[in-house]
Amino acid sequence: MAYHGASIVSRIAWCQEQKERVVLEREREGWTAEEAGLQDALLNNDRSSQYRACAPEVFDRYVTALQDGRALIRIAAIQHYYASAPTN
């Protein structure tokens, strides 16, 4: 199932780049949480309980990225299905 990871990997790389550019620690935490959410979607993991202890905006970034990542995987699976389906 390697076909579904490209867009998530690109977004993870984007988060890593953004972390390097920020000045405020809270903003860095947000990018870290977003990166973790995307990684967890890719690895079929869920660390929501760990992020609940963080600031609400950091938790929201994690959950949103986790949901986005899962949606990207579903979309890629559907695209792969239709791309490989026999045509009449």
N, C-alpha and C. Protein backbone atom coordinates (compact mmCIF):
# COMPACT_ATOMS: atom_id res chain seq x y z
N MET A 1 0.81 -1.20 0.00
CA MET A 1 0.00 0.00 0.00
C MET A 1 0.85 1.26 0.00
N ALA A 2 1.96 1.25 -0.65
CA ALA A 2 2.84 2.42 -0.70
C ALA A 2 2.23 3.56 -1.50
N TYR A 3 1.25 3.28 -2.33
CA TYR A 3 0.68 4.31 -3.19
C TYR A 3 -0.01 5.42 -2.41
N HIS A 4 -0.43 5.20 -1.18
CA HIS A 4 -1.19 6.22 -0.45
C HIS A 4 -0.33 7.18 0.35
N GLY A 5 0.95 6.98 0.42
CA GLY A 5 1.77 7.77 1.33
C GLY A 5 2.37 9.05 0.79
N ALA A 6 2.38 9.24 -0.51
CA ALA A 6 3.12 10.37 -1.07
C ALA A 6 2.62 11.72 -0.58
N SER A 7 1.32 11.95 -0.59
CA SER A 7 0.82 13.26 -0.17
C SER A 7 1.00 13.47 1.33
N ILE A 8 0.87 12.43 2.10
CA ILE A 8 1.08 12.56 3.55
C ILE A 8 2.55 12.83 3.84
N VAL A 9 3.43 12.14 3.15
CA VAL A 9 4.86 12.36 3.34
C VAL A 9 5.23 13.80 2.98
N SER A 10 4.63 14.32 1.93
CA SER A 10 4.88 15.72 1.55
C SER A 10 4.41 16.68 2.64
N ARG A 11 3.26 16.40 3.21
CA ARG A 11 2.75 17.26 4.28
C ARG A 11 3.60 17.16 5.54
N ILE A 12 4.10 15.97 5.84
CA ILE A 12 4.99 15.81 6.99
C ILE A 12 6.26 16.63 6.77
N ALA A 13 6.81 16.57 5.56
CA ALA A 13 8.01 17.36 5.24
C ALA A 13 7.71 18.85 5.38
N TRP A 14 6.53 19.28 4.96
CA TRP A 14 6.13 20.68 5.08
C TRP A 14 6.10 21.09 6.55
N CYS A 15 5.52 20.25 7.40
CA CYS A 15 5.47 20.55 8.84
C CYS A 15 6.88 20.68 9.41
N GLN A 16 7.77 19.79 9.00
CA GLN A 16 9.15 19.85 9.49
C GLN A 16 9.83 21.14 9.05
N GLU A 17 9.58 21.57 7.83
CA GLU A 17 10.15 22.83 7.35
C GLU A 17 9.60 24.01 8.15
N GLN A 18 8.31 23.99 8.41
CA GLN A 18 7.68 25.09 9.14
C GLN A 18 8.17 25.17 10.58
N LYS A 19 8.42 24.03 11.18
CA LYS A 19 8.95 24.02 12.56
C LYS A 19 10.28 24.74 12.64
N GLU A 20 11.07 24.64 11.60
CA GLU A 20 12.39 25.29 11.59
C GLU A 20 12.29 26.81 11.46
N ARG A 21 11.17 27.30 10.96
CA ARG A 21 11.02 28.73 10.68
C ARG A 21 10.33 29.52 11.79
N VAL A 22 9.67 28.84 12.71
CA VAL A 22 8.88 29.54 13.71
C VAL A 22 9.75 30.05 14.85
N VAL A 23 9.24 31.07 15.51
CA VAL A 23 9.95 31.66 16.64
C VAL A 23 9.29 31.25 17.96
N LEU A 24 7.96 31.28 17.97
CA LEU A 24 7.22 30.99 19.20
C LEU A 24 7.14 29.49 19.46
N GLU A 25 7.36 29.12 20.70
CA GLU A 25 7.33 27.70 21.09
C GLU A 25 5.96 27.08 20.85
N ARG A 26 4.89 27.83 21.13
CA ARG A 26 3.53 27.29 20.93
C ARG A 26 3.29 26.98 19.46
N GLU A 27 3.81 27.80 18.58
CA GLU A 27 3.66 27.54 17.16
C GLU A 27 4.44 26.28 16.77
N ARG A 28 5.61 26.12 17.33
CA ARG A 28 6.42 24.91 17.08
C ARG A 28 5.67 23.67 17.58
N GLU A 29 5.04 23.79 18.73
CA GLU A 29 4.25 22.67 19.27
C GLU A 29 3.11 22.30 18.32
N GLY A 30 2.50 23.33 17.72
CA GLY A 30 1.42 23.08 16.77
C GLY A 30 1.89 22.33 15.55
N TRP A 31 3.03 22.75 14.99
CA TRP A 31 3.58 22.04 13.82
C TRP A 31 4.00 20.62 14.19
N THR A 32 4.55 20.46 15.39
CA THR A 32 4.93 19.12 15.84
C THR A 32 3.70 18.23 15.99
N ALA A 33 2.62 18.78 16.52
CA ALA A 33 1.39 18.02 16.68
C ALA A 33 0.80 17.65 15.33
N GLU A 34 0.84 18.58 14.39
CA GLU A 34 0.33 18.30 13.05
C GLU A 34 1.14 17.19 12.38
N GLU A 35 2.44 17.29 12.51
CA GLU A 35 3.32 16.25 11.96
C GLU A 35 3.00 14.89 12.59
N ALA A 36 2.82 14.87 13.91
CA ALA A 36 2.52 13.62 14.61
C ALA A 36 1.18 13.04 14.17
N GLY A 37 0.19 13.89 13.96
CA GLY A 37 -1.12 13.41 13.51
C GLY A 37 -1.04 12.77 12.13
N LEU A 38 -0.28 13.38 11.25
CA LEU A 38 -0.10 12.81 9.90
C LEU A 38 0.66 11.49 9.96
N GLN A 39 1.70 11.45 10.78
CA GLN A 39 2.47 10.21 10.92
C GLN A 39 1.59 9.10 11.50
N ASP A 40 0.78 9.45 12.48
CA ASP A 40 -0.09 8.45 13.08
C ASP A 40 -1.12 7.91 12.09
N ALA A 41 -1.64 8.78 11.24
CA ALA A 41 -2.57 8.32 10.20
C ALA A 41 -1.87 7.33 9.28
N LEU A 42 -0.66 7.65 8.91
CA LEU A 42 0.11 6.80 8.01
C LEU A 42 0.43 5.45 8.66
N LEU A 43 0.68 5.47 9.94
CA LEU A 43 1.04 4.24 10.67
C LEU A 43 -0.13 3.57 11.36
N ASN A 44 -1.35 4.09 11.13
CA ASN A 44 -2.56 3.57 11.76
C ASN A 44 -2.42 3.55 13.28
N ASN A 45 -2.02 4.68 13.81
CA ASN A 45 -1.80 4.86 15.24
C ASN A 45 -2.69 6.01 15.71
N ASP A 46 -2.86 6.16 17.02
CA ASP A 46 -3.64 7.26 17.56
C ASP A 46 -3.11 7.65 18.93
N ARG A 47 -2.52 8.84 18.99
CA ARG A 47 -1.98 9.34 20.25
C ARG A 47 -2.84 10.50 20.80
N SER A 48 -4.12 10.49 20.50
CA SER A 48 -5.01 11.55 20.95
C SER A 48 -4.97 11.72 22.47
N SER A 49 -4.93 10.61 23.17
CA SER A 49 -4.94 10.69 24.64
C SER A 49 -3.70 11.42 25.16
N GLN A 50 -2.58 11.27 24.49
CA GLN A 50 -1.37 11.98 24.90
C GLN A 50 -1.47 13.47 24.61
N TYR A 51 -2.10 13.83 23.51
CA TYR A 51 -2.20 15.24 23.13
C TYR A 51 -3.31 15.98 23.87
N ARG A 52 -4.20 15.27 24.54
CA ARG A 52 -5.25 15.93 25.32
C ARG A 52 -4.68 16.81 26.43
N ALA A 53 -3.53 16.47 26.92
CA ALA A 53 -2.90 17.24 28.00
C ALA A 53 -2.27 18.54 27.48
N CYS A 54 -2.15 18.68 26.19
CA CYS A 54 -1.55 19.88 25.59
C CYS A 54 -2.57 21.01 25.54
N ALA A 55 -2.09 22.17 25.14
CA ALA A 55 -2.99 23.31 24.93
C ALA A 55 -4.06 22.93 23.91
N PRO A 56 -5.27 23.48 24.04
CA PRO A 56 -6.36 23.09 23.12
C PRO A 56 -6.03 23.27 21.64
N GLU A 57 -5.32 24.34 21.28
CA GLU A 57 -4.99 24.54 19.87
C GLU A 57 -3.99 23.51 19.36
N VAL A 58 -3.13 23.03 20.23
CA VAL A 58 -2.17 21.98 19.86
C VAL A 58 -2.90 20.66 19.68
N PHE A 59 -3.79 20.35 20.60
CA PHE A 59 -4.61 19.13 20.50
C PHE A 59 -5.44 19.16 19.21
N ASP A 60 -6.04 20.31 18.92
CA ASP A 60 -6.84 20.44 17.70
C ASP A 60 -6.01 20.22 16.45
N ARG A 61 -4.78 20.72 16.43
CA ARG A 61 -3.90 20.51 15.27
C ARG A 61 -3.60 19.03 15.09
N TYR A 62 -3.36 18.33 16.20
CA TYR A 62 -3.08 16.90 16.12
C TYR A 62 -4.30 16.16 15.54
N VAL A 63 -5.47 16.40 16.13
CA VAL A 63 -6.68 15.68 15.71
C VAL A 63 -7.03 15.99 14.26
N THR A 64 -6.93 17.24 13.87
CA THR A 64 -7.23 17.63 12.50
C THR A 64 -6.28 16.94 11.52
N ALA A 65 -5.00 16.92 11.84
CA ALA A 65 -4.01 16.27 10.97
C ALA A 65 -4.26 14.77 10.91
N LEU A 66 -4.62 14.16 12.02
CA LEU A 66 -4.92 12.73 12.04
C LEU A 66 -6.11 12.44 11.12
N GLN A 67 -7.15 13.24 11.22
CA GLN A 67 -8.33 13.06 10.37
C GLN A 67 -8.00 13.33 8.90
N ASP A 68 -7.24 14.38 8.65
CA ASP A 68 -6.83 14.69 7.28
C ASP A 68 -6.02 13.54 6.68
N GLY A 69 -5.09 13.03 7.46
CA GLY A 69 -4.26 11.92 6.98
C GLY A 69 -5.07 10.69 6.66
N ARG A 70 -6.02 10.38 7.52
CA ARG A 70 -6.89 9.22 7.26
C ARG A 70 -7.73 9.43 6.01
N ALA A 71 -8.21 10.65 5.82
CA ALA A 71 -9.00 10.95 4.62
C ALA A 71 -8.12 10.84 3.37
N LEU A 72 -6.89 11.34 3.43
CA LEU A 72 -5.98 11.23 2.28
C LEU A 72 -5.72 9.77 1.93
N ILE A 73 -5.60 8.93 2.93
CA ILE A 73 -5.37 7.50 2.68
C ILE A 73 -6.59 6.88 2.01
N ARG A 74 -7.79 7.22 2.49
CA ARG A 74 -9.01 6.67 1.88
C ARG A 74 -9.14 7.14 0.43
N ILE A 75 -8.88 8.42 0.19
CA ILE A 75 -8.97 8.97 -1.17
C ILE A 75 -7.97 8.27 -2.09
N ALA A 76 -6.75 8.09 -1.62
CA ALA A 76 -5.73 7.42 -2.44
C ALA A 76 -6.12 5.98 -2.73
N ALA A 77 -6.73 5.31 -1.77
CA ALA A 77 -7.16 3.92 -1.98
C ALA A 77 -8.25 3.86 -3.04
N ILE A 78 -9.18 4.81 -3.00
CA ILE A 78 -10.25 4.85 -4.00
C ILE A 78 -9.67 5.16 -5.38
N GLN A 79 -8.76 6.12 -5.44
CA GLN A 79 -8.12 6.45 -6.71
C GLN A 79 -7.37 5.26 -7.27
N HIS A 80 -6.68 4.56 -6.40
CA HIS A 80 -5.93 3.37 -6.84
C HIS A 80 -6.89 2.30 -7.36
N TYR A 81 -8.00 2.13 -6.67
CA TYR A 81 -8.99 1.14 -7.09
C TYR A 81 -9.51 1.45 -8.49
N TYR A 82 -9.90 2.70 -8.71
CA TYR A 82 -10.45 3.06 -10.01
C TYR A 82 -9.38 3.10 -11.10
N ALA A 83 -8.17 3.42 -10.74
CA ALA A 83 -7.10 3.43 -11.74
C ALA A 83 -6.75 2.01 -12.19
N SER A 84 -6.91 1.04 -11.30
CA SER A 84 -6.56 -0.33 -11.66
C SER A 84 -7.78 -1.16 -12.08
N ALA A 85 -8.97 -0.58 -12.03
CA ALA A 85 -10.18 -1.31 -12.42
C ALA A 85 -10.18 -1.51 -13.93
N PRO A 86 -10.61 -2.68 -14.36
CA PRO A 86 -10.67 -2.92 -15.80
C PRO A 86 -11.73 -2.03 -16.46
N THR A 87 -11.44 -1.55 -17.64
CA THR A 87 -12.39 -0.73 -18.37
C THR A 87 -13.15 -1.59 -19.36
N ASN A 88 -14.34 -1.18 -19.65
CA ASN A 88 -15.17 -1.96 -20.59
C ASN A 88 -14.96 -1.52 -21.99
